[in-house]
C-alpha cells in the first residue's frame, strides 16, 4: 500500500448529530447517506415481510375453507368464506404496494446522492464496490434485478387472489 492514503470511514451519524453538527466532512456525509439507505431498506424489508406473512396466513385459511365443505360445492359457507378471504388478501396486497414502491423510491434518491458524492469526491471511490461507471451500471442493474421480487410480489398476489376469489364460483357452477 505504498503511496496510498487509507481513510477510515467514520460510523454513521444519527440524524440529530447531522443537524447539530452543521457542515459534514465527505466521510460523514457518505456514512449518513449509507445509514439512510440501510434504514429505508429495513423499512421495505419489514413491509415485505408483513405482506408475505399475511398472505401465507390467508392462503392457509383459504385452503382450509375450500376443503372444509361437508357437502357438495353447494355449501354456502364455501361460497362465502373463500371469496371473503380472497378479498382480504387482495386488499392487503393493494395496500402494501404503495409503501413498498415509496420505500424503493426513497432508496433510489439516497443512492443518487451517494453517487453524486462519489463523483464529486473521487477519494471516496475506495468506499464503494463500483470503481468505474461500468461497474456502477452493473451494480445498479443487479440491484434492480434483486428488487424485482419486492416490486412484483404485490402484483402477483393481486392476480392470485382474483383467481382464488373466482374458483369457488366456478366449481359451484361446474361440479
N, C-alpha and C. Protein backbone atom coordinates (compact mmCIF):
# COMPACT_ATOMS: atom_id res chain seq x y z
N UNK A 1 0.82 -1.18 0.00
CA UNK A 1 0.00 0.00 0.00
C UNK A 1 0.87 1.25 0.00
N UNK A 2 1.93 1.21 -0.72
CA UNK A 2 2.80 2.37 -0.79
C UNK A 2 2.12 3.48 -1.55
N UNK A 3 2.22 4.68 -1.02
CA UNK A 3 1.73 5.85 -1.71
C UNK A 3 0.22 6.04 -1.62
N UNK A 4 -0.49 5.08 -1.06
CA UNK A 4 -1.95 5.22 -0.94
C UNK A 4 -2.29 5.61 0.49
N UNK A 5 -3.13 6.59 0.57
CA UNK A 5 -3.58 7.01 1.88
C UNK A 5 -4.94 6.34 2.14
N UNK A 6 -5.05 5.62 3.22
CA UNK A 6 -6.30 4.95 3.56
C UNK A 6 -7.03 5.80 4.57
N UNK A 7 -8.27 6.13 4.21
CA UNK A 7 -9.10 6.94 5.09
C UNK A 7 -10.19 6.04 5.64
N UNK A 8 -10.22 5.89 6.94
CA UNK A 8 -11.25 5.04 7.56
C UNK A 8 -12.56 5.80 7.60
N UNK A 9 -13.62 5.14 7.19
CA UNK A 9 -14.94 5.75 7.25
C UNK A 9 -15.40 5.80 8.70
N UNK A 10 -15.98 6.92 9.05
CA UNK A 10 -16.48 7.05 10.42
C UNK A 10 -17.82 6.35 10.53
N UNK A 11 -18.23 5.99 11.75
CA UNK A 11 -19.53 5.33 11.91
C UNK A 11 -20.65 6.27 11.47
N UNK A 12 -21.77 5.71 11.01
CA UNK A 12 -22.85 6.56 10.52
C UNK A 12 -23.41 7.45 11.61
N UNK A 13 -23.51 8.75 11.35
CA UNK A 13 -24.05 9.66 12.35
C UNK A 13 -25.58 9.56 12.41
N UNK A 14 -26.13 9.87 13.55
CA UNK A 14 -27.57 9.94 13.68
C UNK A 14 -28.05 11.22 13.03
N UNK A 15 -29.34 11.27 12.68
CA UNK A 15 -29.90 12.46 12.05
C UNK A 15 -29.73 13.69 12.94
N UNK A 16 -29.90 13.49 14.26
CA UNK A 16 -29.75 14.62 15.19
C UNK A 16 -28.32 15.15 15.19
N UNK A 17 -27.35 14.23 15.09
CA UNK A 17 -25.96 14.66 15.03
C UNK A 17 -25.70 15.47 13.76
N UNK A 18 -26.29 15.04 12.66
CA UNK A 18 -26.10 15.73 11.39
C UNK A 18 -26.63 17.15 11.49
N UNK A 19 -27.82 17.30 12.08
CA UNK A 19 -28.43 18.62 12.19
C UNK A 19 -27.62 19.50 13.15
N UNK A 20 -27.21 18.94 14.28
CA UNK A 20 -26.47 19.72 15.28
C UNK A 20 -25.07 20.07 14.81
N UNK A 21 -24.45 19.19 14.08
CA UNK A 21 -23.05 19.36 13.69
C UNK A 21 -22.88 20.41 12.60
N UNK A 22 -23.87 20.57 11.75
CA UNK A 22 -23.75 21.55 10.66
C UNK A 22 -23.02 20.95 9.48
N UNK A 23 -21.94 21.55 9.09
CA UNK A 23 -21.17 21.11 7.91
C UNK A 23 -20.49 19.78 8.20
N UNK A 24 -20.69 18.82 7.29
CA UNK A 24 -20.13 17.49 7.48
C UNK A 24 -18.93 17.29 6.58
N UNK A 25 -18.06 16.42 7.01
CA UNK A 25 -16.96 16.02 6.13
C UNK A 25 -17.55 15.07 5.09
N UNK A 26 -16.81 14.83 4.05
CA UNK A 26 -17.28 13.92 3.00
C UNK A 26 -17.51 12.51 3.54
N UNK A 27 -16.63 12.06 4.42
CA UNK A 27 -16.79 10.74 5.03
C UNK A 27 -18.06 10.67 5.86
N UNK A 28 -18.33 11.70 6.63
CA UNK A 28 -19.55 11.72 7.45
C UNK A 28 -20.79 11.74 6.57
N UNK A 29 -20.71 12.50 5.49
CA UNK A 29 -21.84 12.58 4.57
C UNK A 29 -22.09 11.22 3.92
N UNK A 30 -21.03 10.55 3.51
CA UNK A 30 -21.16 9.21 2.93
C UNK A 30 -21.76 8.24 3.94
N UNK A 31 -21.28 8.30 5.17
CA UNK A 31 -21.81 7.43 6.22
C UNK A 31 -23.29 7.73 6.48
N UNK A 32 -23.64 9.01 6.45
CA UNK A 32 -25.04 9.39 6.65
C UNK A 32 -25.92 8.86 5.52
N UNK A 33 -25.49 9.03 4.28
CA UNK A 33 -26.26 8.53 3.15
C UNK A 33 -26.44 7.01 3.26
N UNK A 34 -25.39 6.33 3.61
CA UNK A 34 -25.48 4.87 3.72
C UNK A 34 -26.39 4.45 4.87
N UNK A 35 -26.38 5.20 5.95
CA UNK A 35 -27.27 4.85 7.06
C UNK A 35 -28.73 5.07 6.66
N UNK A 36 -28.99 6.10 5.86
CA UNK A 36 -30.35 6.34 5.38
C UNK A 36 -30.78 5.24 4.41
N UNK A 37 -29.88 4.82 3.54
CA UNK A 37 -30.18 3.72 2.61
C UNK A 37 -30.47 2.45 3.40
N UNK A 38 -29.66 2.19 4.41
CA UNK A 38 -29.87 1.00 5.25
C UNK A 38 -31.22 1.08 5.96
N UNK A 39 -31.55 2.25 6.50
CA UNK A 39 -32.82 2.42 7.20
C UNK A 39 -34.00 2.17 6.25
N UNK A 40 -33.96 2.79 5.08
CA UNK A 40 -35.06 2.61 4.11
C UNK A 40 -35.16 1.16 3.66
N UNK A 41 -34.01 0.51 3.50
CA UNK A 41 -34.02 -0.91 3.11
C UNK A 41 -34.67 -1.76 4.18
N UNK A 42 -34.39 -1.46 5.44
CA UNK A 42 -35.00 -2.21 6.54
C UNK A 42 -36.51 -1.96 6.60
N UNK A 43 -36.93 -0.74 6.30
CA UNK A 43 -38.37 -0.44 6.28
C UNK A 43 -39.06 -1.24 5.17
N UNK A 44 -38.47 -1.24 3.98
CA UNK A 44 -39.04 -2.01 2.87
C UNK A 44 -39.06 -3.49 3.22
N UNK A 45 -37.97 -3.98 3.80
CA UNK A 45 -37.92 -5.38 4.23
C UNK A 45 -39.05 -5.71 5.19
N UNK A 46 -39.27 -4.85 6.16
CA UNK A 46 -40.35 -5.05 7.13
C UNK A 46 -41.71 -5.09 6.47
N UNK A 47 -41.92 -4.18 5.52
CA UNK A 47 -43.20 -4.15 4.80
C UNK A 47 -43.38 -5.42 3.98
N UNK A 48 -42.33 -5.85 3.32
CA UNK A 48 -42.40 -7.05 2.51
C UNK A 48 -42.63 -8.28 3.37
N UNK A 49 -41.96 -8.36 4.52
CA UNK A 49 -42.16 -9.49 5.43
C UNK A 49 -43.59 -9.52 5.97
N UNK A 50 -44.14 -8.35 6.29
CA UNK A 50 -45.53 -8.29 6.76
C UNK A 50 -46.48 -8.76 5.66
N UNK A 51 -46.22 -8.34 4.43
CA UNK A 51 -47.06 -8.77 3.32
C UNK A 51 -46.99 -10.28 3.14
N UNK A 52 -45.79 -10.83 3.12
CA UNK A 52 -45.63 -12.27 2.92
C UNK A 52 -46.26 -13.06 4.06
N UNK A 53 -46.08 -12.60 5.29
CA UNK A 53 -46.68 -13.29 6.44
C UNK A 53 -48.20 -13.28 6.38
N UNK A 54 -48.78 -12.13 6.06
CA UNK A 54 -50.24 -12.05 5.98
C UNK A 54 -50.78 -12.90 4.84
N UNK A 55 -50.07 -12.89 3.72
CA UNK A 55 -50.52 -13.69 2.58
C UNK A 55 -50.43 -15.18 2.88
N UNK A 56 -49.38 -15.61 3.56
CA UNK A 56 -49.24 -17.02 3.92
C UNK A 56 -50.37 -17.46 4.83
N UNK A 57 -50.69 -16.63 5.82
CA UNK A 57 -51.79 -16.94 6.72
C UNK A 57 -53.10 -17.05 5.95
N UNK A 58 -53.35 -16.11 5.05
CA UNK A 58 -54.60 -16.12 4.30
C UNK A 58 -54.69 -17.30 3.33
N UNK A 59 -53.58 -17.70 2.74
CA UNK A 59 -53.61 -18.87 1.85
C UNK A 59 -53.97 -20.11 2.64
N UNK A 60 -53.43 -20.25 3.84
CA UNK A 60 -53.76 -21.41 4.68
C UNK A 60 -55.24 -21.38 5.05
N UNK A 61 -55.73 -20.21 5.45
CA UNK A 61 -57.15 -20.08 5.81
C UNK A 61 -58.03 -20.36 4.59
N UNK A 62 -57.63 -19.87 3.43
CA UNK A 62 -58.39 -20.10 2.19
C UNK A 62 -58.45 -21.60 1.87
N UNK A 63 -57.30 -22.26 1.91
CA UNK A 63 -57.25 -23.70 1.60
C UNK A 63 -58.10 -24.49 2.59
N UNK A 64 -58.05 -24.12 3.85
CA UNK A 64 -58.85 -24.80 4.87
C UNK A 64 -60.33 -24.60 4.60
N UNK A 65 -60.72 -23.38 4.25
CA UNK A 65 -62.13 -23.10 3.95
C UNK A 65 -62.59 -23.85 2.71
N UNK A 66 -61.72 -23.99 1.73
CA UNK A 66 -62.09 -24.69 0.50
C UNK A 66 -62.27 -26.19 0.73
N UNK A 67 -61.52 -26.74 1.65
CA UNK A 67 -61.62 -28.19 1.91
C UNK A 67 -62.59 -28.50 3.04
N UNK A 68 -63.12 -27.47 3.68
CA UNK A 68 -63.96 -27.68 4.85
C UNK A 68 -65.41 -27.98 4.55
N UNK A 69 -65.78 -28.08 3.32
CA UNK A 69 -67.18 -28.34 2.97
C UNK A 69 -67.57 -29.77 3.35
N UNK A 70 -68.71 -29.90 4.01
CA UNK A 70 -69.18 -31.24 4.38
C UNK A 70 -70.13 -31.80 3.32
N UNK A 71 -70.62 -30.94 2.46
CA UNK A 71 -71.50 -31.39 1.38
C UNK A 71 -70.86 -31.03 0.05
N UNK A 72 -71.63 -31.26 -1.02
CA UNK A 72 -71.16 -30.91 -2.35
C UNK A 72 -70.83 -29.41 -2.39
N UNK A 73 -70.37 -28.90 -3.51
CA UNK A 73 -69.98 -27.49 -3.62
C UNK A 73 -71.14 -26.53 -3.39
N UNK A 74 -72.31 -27.04 -3.17
CA UNK A 74 -73.45 -26.18 -2.90
C UNK A 74 -73.42 -25.58 -1.50
N UNK A 75 -72.50 -26.02 -0.65
CA UNK A 75 -72.38 -25.49 0.70
C UNK A 75 -72.16 -23.98 0.64
N UNK A 76 -73.06 -23.24 1.26
CA UNK A 76 -73.00 -21.77 1.19
C UNK A 76 -71.75 -21.19 1.85
N UNK A 77 -71.23 -21.88 2.85
CA UNK A 77 -70.02 -21.36 3.51
C UNK A 77 -68.82 -21.37 2.57
N UNK A 78 -68.77 -22.36 1.69
CA UNK A 78 -67.66 -22.43 0.74
C UNK A 78 -67.79 -21.31 -0.29
N UNK A 79 -69.00 -20.86 -0.54
CA UNK A 79 -69.20 -19.74 -1.46
C UNK A 79 -69.05 -18.39 -0.76
N UNK A 80 -68.99 -18.40 0.55
CA UNK A 80 -68.88 -17.15 1.29
C UNK A 80 -67.46 -16.91 1.82
N UNK A 81 -66.92 -17.86 2.55
CA UNK A 81 -65.64 -17.65 3.24
C UNK A 81 -64.45 -17.50 2.28
N UNK A 82 -64.22 -18.42 1.33
CA UNK A 82 -63.06 -18.24 0.44
C UNK A 82 -63.07 -16.92 -0.35
N UNK A 83 -64.22 -16.49 -0.91
CA UNK A 83 -64.19 -15.19 -1.58
C UNK A 83 -63.90 -14.02 -0.63
N UNK A 84 -64.38 -14.11 0.61
CA UNK A 84 -64.06 -13.06 1.58
C UNK A 84 -62.56 -13.04 1.90
N UNK A 85 -61.98 -14.22 2.07
CA UNK A 85 -60.54 -14.30 2.31
C UNK A 85 -59.77 -13.78 1.10
N UNK A 86 -60.27 -14.06 -0.10
CA UNK A 86 -59.64 -13.57 -1.32
C UNK A 86 -59.69 -12.04 -1.36
N UNK A 87 -60.83 -11.50 -1.00
CA UNK A 87 -60.96 -10.04 -0.97
C UNK A 87 -59.99 -9.42 0.03
N UNK A 88 -59.88 -10.04 1.19
CA UNK A 88 -58.95 -9.55 2.22
C UNK A 88 -57.51 -9.62 1.72
N UNK A 89 -57.12 -10.75 1.12
CA UNK A 89 -55.77 -10.88 0.58
C UNK A 89 -55.50 -9.86 -0.51
N UNK A 90 -56.49 -9.64 -1.37
CA UNK A 90 -56.37 -8.65 -2.44
C UNK A 90 -56.15 -7.26 -1.86
N UNK A 91 -56.96 -6.92 -0.86
CA UNK A 91 -56.86 -5.58 -0.25
C UNK A 91 -55.52 -5.39 0.47
N UNK A 92 -55.04 -6.41 1.17
CA UNK A 92 -53.74 -6.30 1.85
C UNK A 92 -52.60 -6.10 0.84
N UNK A 93 -52.65 -6.82 -0.27
CA UNK A 93 -51.62 -6.66 -1.30
C UNK A 93 -51.71 -5.28 -1.92
N UNK A 94 -52.92 -4.81 -2.15
CA UNK A 94 -53.12 -3.48 -2.73
C UNK A 94 -52.63 -2.39 -1.79
N UNK A 95 -52.84 -2.57 -0.48
CA UNK A 95 -52.38 -1.58 0.50
C UNK A 95 -50.87 -1.61 0.68
N UNK A 96 -50.24 -2.75 0.50
CA UNK A 96 -48.79 -2.86 0.68
C UNK A 96 -48.02 -2.25 -0.49
N UNK A 97 -48.61 -2.24 -1.66
CA UNK A 97 -47.93 -1.79 -2.86
C UNK A 97 -47.37 -0.37 -2.77
N UNK A 98 -48.14 0.63 -2.37
CA UNK A 98 -47.58 1.99 -2.31
C UNK A 98 -46.42 2.13 -1.33
N UNK A 99 -46.49 1.44 -0.20
CA UNK A 99 -45.42 1.52 0.80
C UNK A 99 -44.12 0.93 0.28
N UNK A 100 -44.21 -0.19 -0.42
CA UNK A 100 -43.01 -0.82 -0.98
C UNK A 100 -42.42 0.06 -2.07
N UNK A 101 -43.27 0.58 -2.96
CA UNK A 101 -42.78 1.44 -4.04
C UNK A 101 -42.19 2.74 -3.49
N UNK A 102 -42.81 3.31 -2.46
CA UNK A 102 -42.28 4.54 -1.85
C UNK A 102 -40.93 4.29 -1.20
N UNK A 103 -40.79 3.15 -0.56
CA UNK A 103 -39.51 2.80 0.06
C UNK A 103 -38.40 2.70 -0.97
N UNK A 104 -38.69 2.05 -2.09
CA UNK A 104 -37.68 1.94 -3.14
C UNK A 104 -37.38 3.29 -3.79
N UNK A 105 -38.37 4.16 -3.87
CA UNK A 105 -38.13 5.50 -4.41
C UNK A 105 -37.19 6.28 -3.49
N UNK A 106 -37.41 6.15 -2.18
CA UNK A 106 -36.52 6.84 -1.21
C UNK A 106 -35.11 6.27 -1.30
N UNK A 107 -34.99 4.96 -1.40
CA UNK A 107 -33.66 4.34 -1.52
C UNK A 107 -32.97 4.86 -2.77
N UNK A 108 -33.71 4.96 -3.87
CA UNK A 108 -33.14 5.48 -5.12
C UNK A 108 -32.62 6.90 -4.98
N UNK A 109 -33.35 7.74 -4.26
CA UNK A 109 -32.91 9.13 -4.06
C UNK A 109 -31.64 9.19 -3.22
N UNK A 110 -31.58 8.39 -2.16
CA UNK A 110 -30.37 8.38 -1.33
C UNK A 110 -29.18 7.82 -2.10
N UNK A 111 -29.43 6.79 -2.92
CA UNK A 111 -28.34 6.22 -3.72
C UNK A 111 -27.84 7.22 -4.76
N UNK A 112 -28.76 8.03 -5.30
CA UNK A 112 -28.35 9.06 -6.26
C UNK A 112 -27.47 10.11 -5.58
N UNK A 113 -27.83 10.49 -4.36
CA UNK A 113 -26.99 11.44 -3.61
C UNK A 113 -25.62 10.83 -3.33
N UNK A 114 -25.61 9.54 -3.01
CA UNK A 114 -24.35 8.86 -2.75
C UNK A 114 -23.49 8.83 -4.02
N UNK A 115 -24.11 8.53 -5.17
CA UNK A 115 -23.36 8.52 -6.44
C UNK A 115 -22.80 9.90 -6.75
N UNK A 116 -23.61 10.94 -6.52
CA UNK A 116 -23.14 12.31 -6.76
C UNK A 116 -21.95 12.64 -5.86
N UNK A 117 -22.00 12.18 -4.62
CA UNK A 117 -20.89 12.40 -3.70
C UNK A 117 -19.64 11.68 -4.18
N UNK A 118 -19.80 10.46 -4.67
CA UNK A 118 -18.65 9.72 -5.21
C UNK A 118 -18.05 10.43 -6.42
N UNK A 119 -18.91 11.01 -7.26
CA UNK A 119 -18.40 11.75 -8.43
C UNK A 119 -17.68 13.02 -8.01
N UNK A 120 -18.24 13.70 -7.01
CA UNK A 120 -17.66 14.96 -6.54
C UNK A 120 -16.37 14.74 -5.76
N UNK A 121 -16.27 13.61 -5.08
CA UNK A 121 -15.11 13.32 -4.22
C UNK A 121 -14.49 11.99 -4.64
N UNK A 122 -13.61 12.00 -5.62
CA UNK A 122 -13.03 10.75 -6.12
C UNK A 122 -12.31 9.93 -5.04
N UNK A 123 -11.85 10.58 -3.98
CA UNK A 123 -11.16 9.84 -2.91
C UNK A 123 -12.10 8.88 -2.18
N UNK A 124 -13.41 9.07 -2.32
CA UNK A 124 -14.38 8.18 -1.68
C UNK A 124 -14.66 6.93 -2.51
N UNK A 125 -14.12 6.86 -3.70
CA UNK A 125 -14.33 5.68 -4.56
C UNK A 125 -13.82 4.41 -3.89
N UNK A 126 -12.88 4.57 -2.97
CA UNK A 126 -12.38 3.39 -2.23
C UNK A 126 -13.47 2.74 -1.40
N UNK A 127 -14.50 3.51 -1.07
CA UNK A 127 -15.55 3.02 -0.19
C UNK A 127 -16.77 2.52 -0.96
N UNK A 128 -16.57 2.15 -2.19
CA UNK A 128 -17.65 1.57 -2.98
C UNK A 128 -17.12 0.36 -3.74
N UNK A 129 -18.02 -0.53 -4.07
CA UNK A 129 -17.63 -1.71 -4.84
C UNK A 129 -17.51 -1.37 -6.32
N UNK A 130 -18.08 -0.25 -6.73
CA UNK A 130 -18.07 0.15 -8.13
C UNK A 130 -17.04 1.26 -8.33
N UNK A 131 -15.89 0.90 -8.83
CA UNK A 131 -14.82 1.89 -9.01
C UNK A 131 -14.94 2.63 -10.34
N UNK A 132 -15.73 2.10 -11.29
CA UNK A 132 -15.87 2.76 -12.59
C UNK A 132 -17.35 2.92 -12.92
N UNK A 133 -17.62 3.67 -13.98
CA UNK A 133 -19.02 3.87 -14.40
C UNK A 133 -19.65 2.56 -14.86
N UNK A 134 -18.87 1.72 -15.54
CA UNK A 134 -19.40 0.42 -15.98
C UNK A 134 -19.78 -0.45 -14.79
N UNK A 135 -18.92 -0.46 -13.77
CA UNK A 135 -19.22 -1.25 -12.57
C UNK A 135 -20.43 -0.67 -11.83
N UNK A 136 -20.57 0.65 -11.84
CA UNK A 136 -21.72 1.29 -11.21
C UNK A 136 -23.00 0.87 -11.92
N UNK A 137 -23.00 0.92 -13.25
CA UNK A 137 -24.18 0.50 -14.01
C UNK A 137 -24.49 -0.98 -13.77
N UNK A 138 -23.43 -1.79 -13.72
CA UNK A 138 -23.62 -3.22 -13.47
C UNK A 138 -24.23 -3.46 -12.08
N UNK A 139 -23.74 -2.74 -11.07
CA UNK A 139 -24.30 -2.88 -9.72
C UNK A 139 -25.76 -2.42 -9.68
N UNK A 140 -26.06 -1.33 -10.38
CA UNK A 140 -27.44 -0.84 -10.42
C UNK A 140 -28.35 -1.87 -11.09
N UNK A 141 -27.89 -2.46 -12.17
CA UNK A 141 -28.66 -3.48 -12.88
C UNK A 141 -28.91 -4.69 -11.98
N UNK A 142 -27.88 -5.14 -11.26
CA UNK A 142 -28.04 -6.27 -10.33
C UNK A 142 -29.00 -5.91 -9.20
N UNK A 143 -28.89 -4.69 -8.70
CA UNK A 143 -29.80 -4.24 -7.64
C UNK A 143 -31.25 -4.21 -8.10
N UNK A 144 -31.46 -3.78 -9.34
CA UNK A 144 -32.82 -3.76 -9.88
C UNK A 144 -33.37 -5.16 -10.05
N UNK A 145 -32.53 -6.07 -10.51
CA UNK A 145 -32.97 -7.47 -10.65
C UNK A 145 -33.25 -8.07 -9.28
N UNK A 146 -32.43 -7.72 -8.30
CA UNK A 146 -32.63 -8.23 -6.95
C UNK A 146 -33.91 -7.71 -6.31
N UNK A 147 -34.30 -6.50 -6.67
CA UNK A 147 -35.50 -5.89 -6.11
C UNK A 147 -36.76 -6.28 -6.87
N UNK A 148 -36.61 -7.04 -7.94
CA UNK A 148 -37.74 -7.41 -8.77
C UNK A 148 -38.82 -8.13 -7.97
N UNK A 149 -38.42 -9.05 -7.10
CA UNK A 149 -39.41 -9.78 -6.30
C UNK A 149 -40.22 -8.81 -5.43
N UNK A 150 -39.52 -7.91 -4.75
CA UNK A 150 -40.22 -6.98 -3.87
C UNK A 150 -41.18 -6.09 -4.65
N UNK A 151 -40.78 -5.69 -5.85
CA UNK A 151 -41.64 -4.84 -6.68
C UNK A 151 -42.83 -5.61 -7.22
N UNK A 152 -42.63 -6.87 -7.58
CA UNK A 152 -43.67 -7.64 -8.26
C UNK A 152 -44.56 -8.45 -7.33
N UNK A 153 -44.11 -8.72 -6.11
CA UNK A 153 -44.89 -9.56 -5.19
C UNK A 153 -46.32 -9.06 -4.99
N UNK A 154 -46.54 -7.77 -4.74
CA UNK A 154 -47.94 -7.34 -4.58
C UNK A 154 -48.79 -7.60 -5.82
N UNK A 155 -48.21 -7.42 -7.01
CA UNK A 155 -48.98 -7.67 -8.24
C UNK A 155 -49.30 -9.15 -8.39
N UNK A 156 -48.35 -10.00 -8.04
CA UNK A 156 -48.58 -11.45 -8.11
C UNK A 156 -49.72 -11.83 -7.17
N UNK A 157 -49.70 -11.28 -5.96
CA UNK A 157 -50.77 -11.57 -5.00
C UNK A 157 -52.12 -11.02 -5.47
N UNK A 158 -52.12 -9.86 -6.11
CA UNK A 158 -53.38 -9.31 -6.62
C UNK A 158 -53.99 -10.25 -7.66
N UNK A 159 -53.18 -10.74 -8.57
CA UNK A 159 -53.67 -11.67 -9.59
C UNK A 159 -54.11 -12.98 -8.94
N UNK A 160 -53.29 -13.51 -8.03
CA UNK A 160 -53.62 -14.79 -7.39
C UNK A 160 -54.94 -14.69 -6.62
N UNK A 161 -55.14 -13.61 -5.86
CA UNK A 161 -56.37 -13.50 -5.08
C UNK A 161 -57.58 -13.28 -5.97
N UNK A 162 -57.40 -12.68 -7.12
CA UNK A 162 -58.51 -12.55 -8.07
C UNK A 162 -58.93 -13.93 -8.55
N UNK A 163 -57.95 -14.75 -8.93
CA UNK A 163 -58.24 -16.11 -9.38
C UNK A 163 -58.84 -16.93 -8.23
N UNK A 164 -58.23 -16.83 -7.04
CA UNK A 164 -58.76 -17.58 -5.88
C UNK A 164 -60.20 -17.18 -5.56
N UNK A 165 -60.52 -15.91 -5.76
CA UNK A 165 -61.87 -15.45 -5.48
C UNK A 165 -62.90 -16.02 -6.44
N UNK A 166 -62.47 -16.32 -7.66
CA UNK A 166 -63.38 -16.86 -8.67
C UNK A 166 -63.52 -18.38 -8.62
N UNK A 167 -62.54 -19.07 -8.08
CA UNK A 167 -62.54 -20.54 -8.07
C UNK A 167 -63.79 -21.14 -7.41
N UNK A 168 -64.23 -20.69 -6.23
CA UNK A 168 -65.42 -21.32 -5.63
C UNK A 168 -66.66 -21.22 -6.51
N UNK A 169 -66.83 -20.08 -7.17
CA UNK A 169 -68.00 -19.91 -8.03
C UNK A 169 -67.91 -20.80 -9.27
N UNK A 170 -66.73 -20.90 -9.81
CA UNK A 170 -66.51 -21.78 -10.96
C UNK A 170 -66.82 -23.23 -10.57
N UNK A 171 -66.29 -23.66 -9.46
CA UNK A 171 -66.52 -25.04 -9.01
C UNK A 171 -67.99 -25.29 -8.70
N UNK A 172 -68.66 -24.31 -8.13
CA UNK A 172 -70.08 -24.44 -7.81
C UNK A 172 -70.90 -24.61 -9.08
N UNK A 173 -70.56 -23.84 -10.09
CA UNK A 173 -71.33 -23.87 -11.34
C UNK A 173 -71.01 -25.08 -12.20
N UNK A 174 -69.80 -25.62 -12.08
CA UNK A 174 -69.38 -26.69 -12.98
C UNK A 174 -69.27 -28.06 -12.32
N UNK A 175 -69.53 -28.19 -11.06
CA UNK A 175 -69.48 -29.52 -10.40
C UNK A 175 -70.85 -29.90 -9.89
